Amino acid sequence: VQVRTLIVAAQWHAPLTEVEKEETRRQETRASQLLGVEKRLIGDREASTWLETPETVCAIEKEIHDFRPDIAFIHWPQDNHAEHREAAKASLRALTVAAPHGTRVREVYAFEAGPNQSMVFFRPDLAIDVTEAMPAVRESLRAYHQAHAQGDGLCREKEVSAAFRGHVCGAKYAEALKIVKFPDGGQDFLLRQLLGERFRWWGNA
């Protein structure tokens, strides 16, 4: 299984020196490596904010055509974080236009951000038992340690939310998802096939 993560980002929350910017890029790369995924950075880091625009939609669509994923995971559009909302809108639009342009993604799911972001608006459809993956998740989060996103704080937040989701679906830790696009033509869920017993319909504890 190959996984590519797109980081769509604008300017950092505070002005950084070139040395600090390079350290942030290093941390992003290290965090991705710990999860075994390929990192792709798109977006103008000199811009003041990241918005859904024709240009950002086209940039994401280009990545879709390049990688040709079977499954895509996007932000949930209801979120207290403005750029999460914009990323969700741009991603969904890019996936929609990519299909008639030659790349139809089989399944699309939305993930939730932290308890004070999209989690308060999120009613899951399914969950993934991530108990075995949590050590790697913790290590990845701690590798990304910034003034506005401290690694230990991110780790505590993930443990609390994953423990709550796990409690509802019968696992120690779980990641909750919403179905944005069902498989084509009545096919079985590829995600369910890949995950086996770690795949849980929501609330089946």
N, C-alpha and C. Protein backbone atom coordinates (compact mmCIF):
# COMPACT_ATOMS: atom_id res chain seq x y z
N VAL A 1 0.84 -1.19 0.00
CA VAL A 1 0.00 0.00 0.00
C VAL A 1 0.88 1.24 0.00
N GLN A 2 0.65 2.15 -0.94
CA GLN A 2 1.36 3.41 -0.99
C GLN A 2 0.45 4.53 -0.50
N VAL A 3 1.00 5.41 0.32
CA VAL A 3 0.22 6.52 0.88
C VAL A 3 0.96 7.82 0.62
N ARG A 4 0.24 8.80 0.11
CA ARG A 4 0.81 10.12 -0.09
C ARG A 4 -0.02 11.12 0.70
N THR A 5 0.63 11.98 1.47
CA THR A 5 -0.06 13.03 2.21
C THR A 5 0.26 14.37 1.58
N LEU A 6 -0.79 15.16 1.32
CA LEU A 6 -0.62 16.50 0.78
C LEU A 6 -0.71 17.50 1.91
N ILE A 7 0.29 18.31 2.06
CA ILE A 7 0.25 19.41 3.04
C ILE A 7 -0.07 20.67 2.26
N VAL A 8 -1.27 21.18 2.46
CA VAL A 8 -1.67 22.43 1.80
C VAL A 8 -1.56 23.52 2.85
N ALA A 9 -0.65 24.44 2.63
CA ALA A 9 -0.32 25.35 3.71
C ALA A 9 0.01 26.73 3.20
N ALA A 10 -0.26 27.70 4.05
CA ALA A 10 0.14 29.08 3.78
C ALA A 10 1.23 29.44 4.78
N GLN A 11 1.32 30.71 5.09
CA GLN A 11 2.37 31.21 5.95
C GLN A 11 2.28 30.60 7.35
N TRP A 12 3.41 30.39 8.00
CA TRP A 12 3.41 29.92 9.38
C TRP A 12 2.77 30.95 10.30
N HIS A 13 2.31 30.55 11.45
CA HIS A 13 1.56 31.43 12.33
C HIS A 13 2.38 32.63 12.80
N ALA A 14 3.66 32.48 12.87
CA ALA A 14 4.52 33.59 13.29
C ALA A 14 5.67 33.70 12.30
N PRO A 15 6.21 34.90 12.13
CA PRO A 15 7.35 35.05 11.20
C PRO A 15 8.52 34.17 11.64
N LEU A 16 9.10 33.44 10.69
CA LEU A 16 10.20 32.54 10.99
C LEU A 16 11.42 32.93 10.17
N THR A 17 12.56 32.66 10.74
CA THR A 17 13.80 32.84 9.99
C THR A 17 13.95 31.68 9.00
N GLU A 18 14.89 31.80 8.09
CA GLU A 18 15.12 30.73 7.14
C GLU A 18 15.55 29.44 7.84
N VAL A 19 16.33 29.59 8.91
CA VAL A 19 16.75 28.42 9.68
C VAL A 19 15.54 27.74 10.32
N GLU A 20 14.63 28.54 10.89
CA GLU A 20 13.42 27.98 11.51
C GLU A 20 12.51 27.34 10.47
N LYS A 21 12.41 27.94 9.29
CA LYS A 21 11.60 27.34 8.24
C LYS A 21 12.16 25.99 7.82
N GLU A 22 13.46 25.91 7.70
CA GLU A 22 14.10 24.66 7.32
C GLU A 22 13.89 23.59 8.38
N GLU A 23 13.92 23.99 9.65
CA GLU A 23 13.68 23.04 10.73
C GLU A 23 12.24 22.53 10.69
N THR A 24 11.29 23.42 10.37
CA THR A 24 9.90 23.00 10.26
C THR A 24 9.73 22.00 9.13
N ARG A 25 10.35 22.26 7.99
CA ARG A 25 10.27 21.31 6.86
C ARG A 25 10.87 19.96 7.26
N ARG A 26 11.97 20.00 8.00
CA ARG A 26 12.61 18.76 8.45
C ARG A 26 11.67 17.98 9.35
N GLN A 27 11.00 18.70 10.28
CA GLN A 27 10.09 18.04 11.19
C GLN A 27 8.90 17.43 10.44
N GLU A 28 8.36 18.17 9.46
CA GLU A 28 7.25 17.64 8.67
C GLU A 28 7.66 16.36 7.95
N THR A 29 8.85 16.39 7.37
CA THR A 29 9.34 15.21 6.64
C THR A 29 9.53 14.03 7.59
N ARG A 30 10.13 14.30 8.75
CA ARG A 30 10.37 13.24 9.73
C ARG A 30 9.05 12.65 10.23
N ALA A 31 8.07 13.50 10.50
CA ALA A 31 6.77 13.01 10.98
C ALA A 31 6.12 12.11 9.94
N SER A 32 6.23 12.46 8.66
CA SER A 32 5.67 11.64 7.59
C SER A 32 6.40 10.31 7.48
N GLN A 33 7.73 10.36 7.58
CA GLN A 33 8.52 9.14 7.47
C GLN A 33 8.17 8.15 8.57
N LEU A 34 7.92 8.64 9.77
CA LEU A 34 7.59 7.77 10.89
C LEU A 34 6.27 7.03 10.67
N LEU A 35 5.40 7.62 9.86
CA LEU A 35 4.13 6.97 9.54
C LEU A 35 4.22 6.16 8.24
N GLY A 36 5.37 6.22 7.58
CA GLY A 36 5.55 5.46 6.35
C GLY A 36 4.81 6.02 5.16
N VAL A 37 4.65 7.36 5.12
CA VAL A 37 3.93 7.98 4.01
C VAL A 37 4.84 8.97 3.28
N GLU A 38 4.50 9.22 2.03
CA GLU A 38 5.22 10.20 1.22
C GLU A 38 4.61 11.58 1.47
N LYS A 39 5.45 12.58 1.74
CA LYS A 39 4.97 13.93 1.97
C LYS A 39 5.07 14.76 0.71
N ARG A 40 3.99 15.48 0.39
CA ARG A 40 4.00 16.43 -0.72
C ARG A 40 3.49 17.76 -0.19
N LEU A 41 4.27 18.81 -0.36
CA LEU A 41 3.89 20.14 0.10
C LEU A 41 3.42 20.96 -1.09
N ILE A 42 2.17 21.41 -1.05
CA ILE A 42 1.68 22.32 -2.07
C ILE A 42 1.09 23.54 -1.37
N GLY A 43 1.09 24.66 -2.05
CA GLY A 43 0.59 25.88 -1.44
C GLY A 43 1.71 26.89 -1.31
N ASP A 44 1.32 28.14 -1.18
CA ASP A 44 2.26 29.25 -1.11
C ASP A 44 2.54 29.58 0.34
N ARG A 45 3.71 29.21 0.83
CA ARG A 45 4.03 29.46 2.23
C ARG A 45 4.31 30.94 2.51
N GLU A 46 4.33 31.76 1.48
CA GLU A 46 4.47 33.20 1.70
C GLU A 46 3.12 33.90 1.77
N ALA A 47 2.05 33.19 1.45
CA ALA A 47 0.72 33.79 1.53
C ALA A 47 0.27 33.91 2.98
N SER A 48 -0.66 34.81 3.23
CA SER A 48 -1.11 35.03 4.62
C SER A 48 -2.09 33.97 5.08
N THR A 49 -2.81 33.35 4.16
CA THR A 49 -3.73 32.29 4.52
C THR A 49 -3.94 31.40 3.31
N TRP A 50 -4.49 30.22 3.54
CA TRP A 50 -4.72 29.26 2.44
C TRP A 50 -6.21 29.19 2.19
N LEU A 51 -6.63 29.43 0.94
CA LEU A 51 -8.04 29.50 0.59
C LEU A 51 -8.35 28.58 -0.58
N GLU A 52 -9.62 28.16 -0.64
CA GLU A 52 -10.08 27.44 -1.82
C GLU A 52 -10.21 28.45 -2.96
N THR A 53 -9.38 28.30 -3.95
CA THR A 53 -9.41 29.14 -5.15
C THR A 53 -9.28 28.23 -6.36
N PRO A 54 -9.57 28.72 -7.57
CA PRO A 54 -9.34 27.88 -8.75
C PRO A 54 -7.91 27.34 -8.81
N GLU A 55 -6.95 28.15 -8.37
CA GLU A 55 -5.55 27.72 -8.41
C GLU A 55 -5.28 26.59 -7.43
N THR A 56 -5.82 26.68 -6.20
CA THR A 56 -5.57 25.62 -5.22
C THR A 56 -6.30 24.34 -5.59
N VAL A 57 -7.51 24.46 -6.16
CA VAL A 57 -8.23 23.28 -6.62
C VAL A 57 -7.44 22.58 -7.73
N CYS A 58 -6.93 23.36 -8.67
CA CYS A 58 -6.15 22.78 -9.77
C CYS A 58 -4.87 22.11 -9.27
N ALA A 59 -4.24 22.70 -8.23
CA ALA A 59 -3.02 22.11 -7.68
C ALA A 59 -3.32 20.75 -7.06
N ILE A 60 -4.43 20.63 -6.35
CA ILE A 60 -4.80 19.34 -5.75
C ILE A 60 -5.20 18.35 -6.84
N GLU A 61 -5.96 18.82 -7.83
CA GLU A 61 -6.36 17.92 -8.92
C GLU A 61 -5.13 17.36 -9.63
N LYS A 62 -4.13 18.18 -9.84
CA LYS A 62 -2.89 17.71 -10.48
C LYS A 62 -2.26 16.56 -9.70
N GLU A 63 -2.27 16.68 -8.35
CA GLU A 63 -1.73 15.61 -7.51
C GLU A 63 -2.57 14.34 -7.63
N ILE A 64 -3.88 14.50 -7.76
CA ILE A 64 -4.77 13.34 -7.91
C ILE A 64 -4.45 12.59 -9.20
N HIS A 65 -4.28 13.33 -10.29
CA HIS A 65 -3.95 12.69 -11.57
C HIS A 65 -2.58 12.03 -11.51
N ASP A 66 -1.65 12.65 -10.79
CA ASP A 66 -0.29 12.12 -10.71
C ASP A 66 -0.23 10.83 -9.89
N PHE A 67 -0.94 10.80 -8.76
CA PHE A 67 -0.86 9.65 -7.84
C PHE A 67 -1.91 8.58 -8.15
N ARG A 68 -3.05 9.00 -8.70
CA ARG A 68 -4.16 8.10 -9.06
C ARG A 68 -4.55 7.20 -7.88
N PRO A 69 -5.01 7.79 -6.78
CA PRO A 69 -5.33 6.99 -5.59
C PRO A 69 -6.63 6.21 -5.75
N ASP A 70 -6.70 5.07 -5.09
CA ASP A 70 -7.95 4.33 -5.00
C ASP A 70 -8.85 4.92 -3.91
N ILE A 71 -8.22 5.43 -2.85
CA ILE A 71 -8.94 5.98 -1.69
C ILE A 71 -8.36 7.34 -1.36
N ALA A 72 -9.22 8.28 -1.03
CA ALA A 72 -8.78 9.61 -0.59
C ALA A 72 -9.40 9.94 0.76
N PHE A 73 -8.62 10.61 1.60
CA PHE A 73 -9.08 11.08 2.91
C PHE A 73 -8.94 12.60 2.93
N ILE A 74 -10.02 13.29 3.28
CA ILE A 74 -10.00 14.75 3.28
C ILE A 74 -10.52 15.27 4.63
N HIS A 75 -10.26 16.55 4.89
CA HIS A 75 -10.83 17.19 6.07
C HIS A 75 -12.36 17.18 5.98
N TRP A 76 -13.01 17.27 7.13
CA TRP A 76 -14.45 17.47 7.18
C TRP A 76 -14.71 18.98 7.10
N PRO A 77 -15.64 19.42 6.22
CA PRO A 77 -15.79 20.85 5.98
C PRO A 77 -16.34 21.66 7.15
N GLN A 78 -16.99 20.99 8.12
CA GLN A 78 -17.44 21.72 9.31
C GLN A 78 -16.32 21.66 10.35
N ASP A 79 -15.67 22.78 10.59
CA ASP A 79 -14.48 22.80 11.42
C ASP A 79 -14.29 24.21 11.95
N ASN A 80 -13.82 24.33 13.18
CA ASN A 80 -13.55 25.65 13.75
C ASN A 80 -12.27 26.29 13.21
N HIS A 81 -11.46 25.49 12.50
CA HIS A 81 -10.21 25.99 11.94
C HIS A 81 -10.48 26.43 10.50
N ALA A 82 -10.27 27.71 10.21
CA ALA A 82 -10.65 28.26 8.91
C ALA A 82 -9.95 27.55 7.76
N GLU A 83 -8.66 27.27 7.91
CA GLU A 83 -7.94 26.63 6.80
C GLU A 83 -8.32 25.17 6.62
N HIS A 84 -8.76 24.50 7.70
CA HIS A 84 -9.28 23.15 7.54
C HIS A 84 -10.53 23.17 6.65
N ARG A 85 -11.41 24.15 6.88
CA ARG A 85 -12.62 24.27 6.07
C ARG A 85 -12.27 24.50 4.61
N GLU A 86 -11.31 25.39 4.37
CA GLU A 86 -10.92 25.70 2.99
C GLU A 86 -10.28 24.49 2.32
N ALA A 87 -9.45 23.76 3.07
CA ALA A 87 -8.82 22.56 2.51
C ALA A 87 -9.86 21.51 2.16
N ALA A 88 -10.88 21.37 3.00
CA ALA A 88 -11.95 20.41 2.72
C ALA A 88 -12.70 20.76 1.45
N LYS A 89 -13.06 22.03 1.30
CA LYS A 89 -13.80 22.46 0.12
C LYS A 89 -12.97 22.27 -1.15
N ALA A 90 -11.70 22.67 -1.09
CA ALA A 90 -10.83 22.55 -2.26
C ALA A 90 -10.60 21.10 -2.63
N SER A 91 -10.40 20.24 -1.62
CA SER A 91 -10.16 18.82 -1.87
C SER A 91 -11.37 18.16 -2.51
N LEU A 92 -12.56 18.44 -1.97
CA LEU A 92 -13.77 17.84 -2.52
C LEU A 92 -14.01 18.30 -3.95
N ARG A 93 -13.79 19.59 -4.20
CA ARG A 93 -13.98 20.10 -5.56
C ARG A 93 -12.97 19.47 -6.52
N ALA A 94 -11.72 19.32 -6.07
CA ALA A 94 -10.68 18.73 -6.92
C ALA A 94 -11.02 17.28 -7.24
N LEU A 95 -11.51 16.53 -6.26
CA LEU A 95 -11.90 15.14 -6.50
C LEU A 95 -13.07 15.07 -7.46
N THR A 96 -13.98 16.01 -7.35
CA THR A 96 -15.17 16.03 -8.22
C THR A 96 -14.78 16.30 -9.67
N VAL A 97 -13.90 17.26 -9.90
CA VAL A 97 -13.53 17.60 -11.28
C VAL A 97 -12.51 16.63 -11.85
N ALA A 98 -11.76 15.95 -10.98
CA ALA A 98 -10.77 14.98 -11.47
C ALA A 98 -11.45 13.81 -12.18
N ALA A 99 -12.66 13.44 -11.73
CA ALA A 99 -13.34 12.28 -12.31
C ALA A 99 -13.62 12.44 -13.80
N PRO A 100 -14.31 13.52 -14.23
CA PRO A 100 -14.54 13.66 -15.67
C PRO A 100 -13.26 13.98 -16.46
N HIS A 101 -12.21 14.37 -15.74
CA HIS A 101 -10.93 14.65 -16.41
C HIS A 101 -10.02 13.43 -16.46
N GLY A 102 -10.52 12.26 -16.01
CA GLY A 102 -9.77 11.04 -16.24
C GLY A 102 -9.33 10.25 -15.02
N THR A 103 -9.50 10.81 -13.80
CA THR A 103 -9.09 10.06 -12.60
C THR A 103 -10.26 10.03 -11.62
N ARG A 104 -10.91 8.87 -11.52
CA ARG A 104 -12.04 8.72 -10.62
C ARG A 104 -11.58 7.94 -9.40
N VAL A 105 -11.60 8.57 -8.25
CA VAL A 105 -11.18 7.93 -7.01
C VAL A 105 -12.32 7.04 -6.52
N ARG A 106 -12.00 5.81 -6.17
CA ARG A 106 -13.01 4.82 -5.85
C ARG A 106 -13.78 5.15 -4.57
N GLU A 107 -13.08 5.54 -3.51
CA GLU A 107 -13.72 5.82 -2.22
C GLU A 107 -13.13 7.10 -1.64
N VAL A 108 -13.98 7.90 -0.99
CA VAL A 108 -13.52 9.14 -0.34
C VAL A 108 -14.09 9.18 1.07
N TYR A 109 -13.22 9.46 2.04
CA TYR A 109 -13.62 9.54 3.44
C TYR A 109 -13.16 10.88 4.03
N ALA A 110 -13.90 11.35 5.00
CA ALA A 110 -13.49 12.56 5.74
C ALA A 110 -13.02 12.14 7.13
N PHE A 111 -11.93 12.77 7.56
CA PHE A 111 -11.41 12.53 8.90
C PHE A 111 -11.69 13.74 9.77
N GLU A 112 -11.58 13.56 11.08
CA GLU A 112 -11.84 14.66 12.00
C GLU A 112 -10.53 15.20 12.55
N ALA A 113 -10.54 16.49 12.85
CA ALA A 113 -9.41 17.11 13.54
C ALA A 113 -9.66 17.01 15.05
N GLY A 114 -9.02 17.84 15.83
CA GLY A 114 -9.07 17.71 17.28
C GLY A 114 -10.41 18.02 17.91
N PRO A 115 -10.51 17.80 19.24
CA PRO A 115 -11.77 18.01 19.96
C PRO A 115 -12.35 19.41 19.84
N ASN A 116 -11.51 20.42 19.66
CA ASN A 116 -12.01 21.79 19.54
C ASN A 116 -12.13 22.24 18.09
N GLN A 117 -11.94 21.31 17.15
CA GLN A 117 -12.02 21.67 15.74
C GLN A 117 -13.20 20.95 15.10
N SER A 118 -12.98 19.93 14.27
CA SER A 118 -14.12 19.31 13.60
C SER A 118 -14.82 18.24 14.44
N MET A 119 -14.17 17.77 15.50
CA MET A 119 -14.75 16.66 16.27
C MET A 119 -16.13 17.02 16.83
N VAL A 120 -16.35 18.28 17.16
CA VAL A 120 -17.63 18.69 17.74
C VAL A 120 -18.76 18.67 16.71
N PHE A 121 -18.41 18.62 15.41
CA PHE A 121 -19.42 18.61 14.35
C PHE A 121 -19.51 17.25 13.66
N PHE A 122 -18.84 16.24 14.19
CA PHE A 122 -18.57 15.01 13.46
C PHE A 122 -19.44 13.87 13.97
N ARG A 123 -20.23 13.24 13.07
CA ARG A 123 -20.98 12.04 13.41
C ARG A 123 -20.45 10.92 12.51
N PRO A 124 -19.61 10.04 13.04
CA PRO A 124 -18.90 9.06 12.20
C PRO A 124 -19.83 8.03 11.57
N ASP A 125 -19.35 7.46 10.46
CA ASP A 125 -19.99 6.32 9.82
C ASP A 125 -19.25 5.03 10.14
N LEU A 126 -17.94 5.13 10.33
CA LEU A 126 -17.13 3.95 10.59
C LEU A 126 -15.91 4.35 11.40
N ALA A 127 -15.20 3.35 11.87
CA ALA A 127 -13.99 3.61 12.64
C ALA A 127 -12.94 2.57 12.28
N ILE A 128 -11.70 2.93 12.52
CA ILE A 128 -10.57 2.03 12.33
C ILE A 128 -9.91 1.81 13.68
N ASP A 129 -9.71 0.58 14.04
CA ASP A 129 -8.97 0.26 15.27
C ASP A 129 -7.50 0.57 15.02
N VAL A 130 -7.00 1.61 15.68
CA VAL A 130 -5.61 2.06 15.46
C VAL A 130 -4.73 1.77 16.68
N THR A 131 -5.17 0.86 17.53
CA THR A 131 -4.43 0.57 18.76
C THR A 131 -2.98 0.19 18.47
N GLU A 132 -2.77 -0.70 17.50
CA GLU A 132 -1.41 -1.14 17.18
C GLU A 132 -0.57 -0.02 16.58
N ALA A 133 -1.22 0.94 15.93
CA ALA A 133 -0.49 2.02 15.27
C ALA A 133 -0.18 3.19 16.20
N MET A 134 -0.77 3.23 17.40
CA MET A 134 -0.62 4.39 18.25
C MET A 134 0.83 4.72 18.63
N PRO A 135 1.72 3.75 18.86
CA PRO A 135 3.11 4.13 19.14
C PRO A 135 3.73 4.94 18.00
N ALA A 136 3.48 4.54 16.76
CA ALA A 136 4.01 5.29 15.61
C ALA A 136 3.34 6.65 15.49
N VAL A 137 2.05 6.71 15.80
CA VAL A 137 1.34 7.99 15.77
C VAL A 137 1.92 8.96 16.80
N ARG A 138 2.15 8.47 18.01
CA ARG A 138 2.74 9.32 19.05
C ARG A 138 4.11 9.84 18.63
N GLU A 139 4.93 8.94 18.09
CA GLU A 139 6.28 9.33 17.68
C GLU A 139 6.22 10.38 16.57
N SER A 140 5.30 10.19 15.64
CA SER A 140 5.15 11.15 14.54
C SER A 140 4.71 12.52 15.05
N LEU A 141 3.74 12.53 15.95
CA LEU A 141 3.24 13.80 16.49
C LEU A 141 4.33 14.52 17.28
N ARG A 142 5.10 13.77 18.05
CA ARG A 142 6.16 14.40 18.84
C ARG A 142 7.29 14.94 17.95
N ALA A 143 7.43 14.35 16.76
CA ALA A 143 8.47 14.83 15.84
C ALA A 143 8.12 16.19 15.26
N TYR A 144 6.82 16.51 15.27
CA TYR A 144 6.38 17.82 14.77
C TYR A 144 6.09 18.70 15.97
N HIS A 145 7.05 19.53 16.33
CA HIS A 145 6.96 20.31 17.56
C HIS A 145 7.15 21.79 17.23
N GLN A 146 6.03 22.51 17.16
CA GLN A 146 6.06 23.93 16.80
C GLN A 146 5.40 24.75 17.89
N ALA A 147 5.63 26.06 17.84
CA ALA A 147 5.04 26.95 18.85
C ALA A 147 3.52 26.86 18.85
N HIS A 148 2.92 26.70 17.65
CA HIS A 148 1.45 26.66 17.54
C HIS A 148 0.92 25.24 17.50
N ALA A 149 1.80 24.25 17.51
CA ALA A 149 1.37 22.84 17.45
C ALA A 149 2.42 21.99 18.15
N GLN A 150 2.43 22.07 19.45
CA GLN A 150 3.46 21.38 20.22
C GLN A 150 3.23 19.87 20.21
N GLY A 151 4.32 19.14 19.96
CA GLY A 151 4.21 17.70 19.80
C GLY A 151 3.54 16.98 20.95
N ASP A 152 3.93 17.29 22.18
CA ASP A 152 3.33 16.62 23.34
C ASP A 152 1.85 16.95 23.46
N GLY A 153 1.50 18.19 23.17
CA GLY A 153 0.09 18.59 23.21
C GLY A 153 -0.72 17.88 22.15
N LEU A 154 -0.18 17.78 20.94
CA LEU A 154 -0.85 17.04 19.86
C LEU A 154 -1.03 15.58 20.24
N CYS A 155 -0.03 15.02 20.90
CA CYS A 155 -0.07 13.62 21.30
C CYS A 155 -1.18 13.39 22.33
N ARG A 156 -1.27 14.25 23.33
CA ARG A 156 -2.32 14.12 24.35
C ARG A 156 -3.70 14.27 23.73
N GLU A 157 -3.84 15.23 22.82
CA GLU A 157 -5.12 15.46 22.15
C GLU A 157 -5.55 14.22 21.36
N LYS A 158 -4.60 13.62 20.63
CA LYS A 158 -4.91 12.43 19.83
C LYS A 158 -5.27 11.25 20.73
N GLU A 159 -4.56 11.07 21.83
CA GLU A 159 -4.86 9.96 22.73
C GLU A 159 -6.27 10.08 23.31
N VAL A 160 -6.63 11.30 23.71
CA VAL A 160 -7.97 11.50 24.30
C VAL A 160 -9.06 11.23 23.27
N SER A 161 -8.93 11.81 22.08
CA SER A 161 -9.98 11.63 21.06
C SER A 161 -10.03 10.19 20.56
N ALA A 162 -8.85 9.56 20.36
CA ALA A 162 -8.82 8.18 19.88
C ALA A 162 -9.35 7.21 20.94
N ALA A 163 -9.10 7.50 22.22
CA ALA A 163 -9.63 6.65 23.29
C ALA A 163 -11.16 6.75 23.34
N PHE A 164 -11.68 7.97 23.17
CA PHE A 164 -13.13 8.15 23.16
C PHE A 164 -13.77 7.41 22.00
N ARG A 165 -13.21 7.57 20.80
CA ARG A 165 -13.76 6.87 19.63
C ARG A 165 -13.62 5.35 19.80
N GLY A 166 -12.52 4.92 20.38
CA GLY A 166 -12.36 3.49 20.62
C GLY A 166 -13.37 2.94 21.61
N HIS A 167 -13.68 3.72 22.64
CA HIS A 167 -14.66 3.30 23.65
C HIS A 167 -16.02 3.01 23.01
N VAL A 168 -16.39 3.82 22.02
CA VAL A 168 -17.70 3.65 21.39
C VAL A 168 -17.73 2.44 20.46
N CYS A 169 -16.60 2.10 19.84
CA CYS A 169 -16.64 1.02 18.84
C CYS A 169 -15.89 -0.23 19.27
N GLY A 170 -15.53 -0.34 20.55
CA GLY A 170 -14.97 -1.58 21.04
C GLY A 170 -13.49 -1.79 20.78
N ALA A 171 -12.70 -0.71 20.84
CA ALA A 171 -11.25 -0.80 20.68
C ALA A 171 -10.60 0.12 21.71
N LYS A 172 -9.32 -0.08 21.96
CA LYS A 172 -8.64 0.81 22.89
C LYS A 172 -8.50 2.20 22.29
N TYR A 173 -8.07 2.24 21.01
CA TYR A 173 -7.96 3.50 20.29
C TYR A 173 -8.56 3.31 18.90
N ALA A 174 -9.27 4.33 18.43
CA ALA A 174 -9.86 4.25 17.09
C ALA A 174 -9.84 5.61 16.41
N GLU A 175 -9.82 5.56 15.10
CA GLU A 175 -9.91 6.75 14.26
C GLU A 175 -11.26 6.72 13.57
N ALA A 176 -12.04 7.80 13.71
CA ALA A 176 -13.38 7.84 13.14
C ALA A 176 -13.38 8.50 11.77
N LEU A 177 -14.23 8.00 10.87
CA LEU A 177 -14.31 8.53 9.50
C LEU A 177 -15.77 8.69 9.08
N LYS A 178 -16.00 9.59 8.14
CA LYS A 178 -17.30 9.71 7.49
C LYS A 178 -17.14 9.34 6.01
N ILE A 179 -18.16 8.69 5.47
CA ILE A 179 -18.14 8.35 4.05
C ILE A 179 -18.56 9.57 3.25
N VAL A 180 -17.69 10.02 2.35
CA VAL A 180 -18.00 11.13 1.45
C VAL A 180 -18.43 10.60 0.09
N LYS A 181 -17.78 9.54 -0.38
CA LYS A 181 -18.14 8.91 -1.65
C LYS A 181 -18.10 7.39 -1.48
N PHE A 182 -19.21 6.73 -1.82
CA PHE A 182 -19.27 5.27 -1.75
C PHE A 182 -18.51 4.66 -2.93
N PRO A 183 -18.11 3.37 -2.82
CA PRO A 183 -17.47 2.69 -3.95
C PRO A 183 -18.37 2.70 -5.18
N ASP A 184 -17.76 2.67 -6.35
CA ASP A 184 -18.51 2.69 -7.60
C ASP A 184 -19.22 1.36 -7.85
N GLY A 185 -20.38 1.43 -8.46
CA GLY A 185 -21.03 0.23 -8.99
C GLY A 185 -21.37 -0.83 -7.98
N GLY A 186 -21.62 -0.46 -6.73
CA GLY A 186 -21.98 -1.45 -5.73
C GLY A 186 -20.85 -2.33 -5.27
N GLN A 187 -19.61 -1.93 -5.54
CA GLN A 187 -18.47 -2.72 -5.09
C GLN A 187 -18.35 -2.67 -3.56
N ASP A 188 -17.67 -3.68 -3.02
CA ASP A 188 -17.39 -3.69 -1.59
C ASP A 188 -16.40 -2.56 -1.27
N PHE A 189 -16.36 -2.17 -0.01
CA PHE A 189 -15.43 -1.13 0.42
C PHE A 189 -14.00 -1.69 0.37
N LEU A 190 -13.16 -1.06 -0.43
CA LEU A 190 -11.76 -1.45 -0.47
C LEU A 190 -11.11 -1.23 0.89
N LEU A 191 -11.50 -0.16 1.57
CA LEU A 191 -10.94 0.12 2.90
C LEU A 191 -11.23 -1.03 3.86
N ARG A 192 -12.44 -1.57 3.80
CA ARG A 192 -12.80 -2.70 4.67
C ARG A 192 -11.96 -3.92 4.33
N GLN A 193 -11.75 -4.16 3.03
CA GLN A 193 -10.94 -5.30 2.61
C GLN A 193 -9.50 -5.17 3.09
N LEU A 194 -8.96 -3.96 3.01
CA LEU A 194 -7.57 -3.73 3.42
C LEU A 194 -7.37 -3.89 4.93
N LEU A 195 -8.37 -3.45 5.69
CA LEU A 195 -8.22 -3.38 7.14
C LEU A 195 -8.69 -4.63 7.87
N GLY A 196 -9.55 -5.43 7.25
CA GLY A 196 -10.03 -6.64 7.91
C GLY A 196 -10.72 -6.34 9.23
N GLU A 197 -10.30 -7.01 10.31
CA GLU A 197 -10.97 -6.87 11.61
C GLU A 197 -10.77 -5.49 12.23
N ARG A 198 -9.83 -4.70 11.71
CA ARG A 198 -9.62 -3.35 12.25
C ARG A 198 -10.68 -2.37 11.76
N PHE A 199 -11.47 -2.76 10.76
CA PHE A 199 -12.56 -1.94 10.24
C PHE A 199 -13.79 -2.15 11.10
N ARG A 200 -14.39 -1.08 11.58
CA ARG A 200 -15.59 -1.17 12.43
C ARG A 200 -16.67 -0.23 11.93
N TRP A 201 -17.88 -0.75 11.72
CA TRP A 201 -18.99 0.17 11.51
C TRP A 201 -19.22 0.91 12.82
N TRP A 202 -19.58 2.16 12.73
CA TRP A 202 -19.64 2.99 13.92
C TRP A 202 -20.68 2.48 14.92
N GLY A 203 -20.27 2.46 16.17
CA GLY A 203 -21.18 2.12 17.25
C GLY A 203 -21.43 0.63 17.43
N ASN A 204 -20.58 -0.24 16.86
CA ASN A 204 -20.85 -1.68 16.95
C ASN A 204 -20.12 -2.34 18.11
N ALA A 205 -19.90 -1.59 19.20
CA ALA A 205 -19.20 -2.19 20.35
C ALA A 205 -20.06 -3.29 20.97
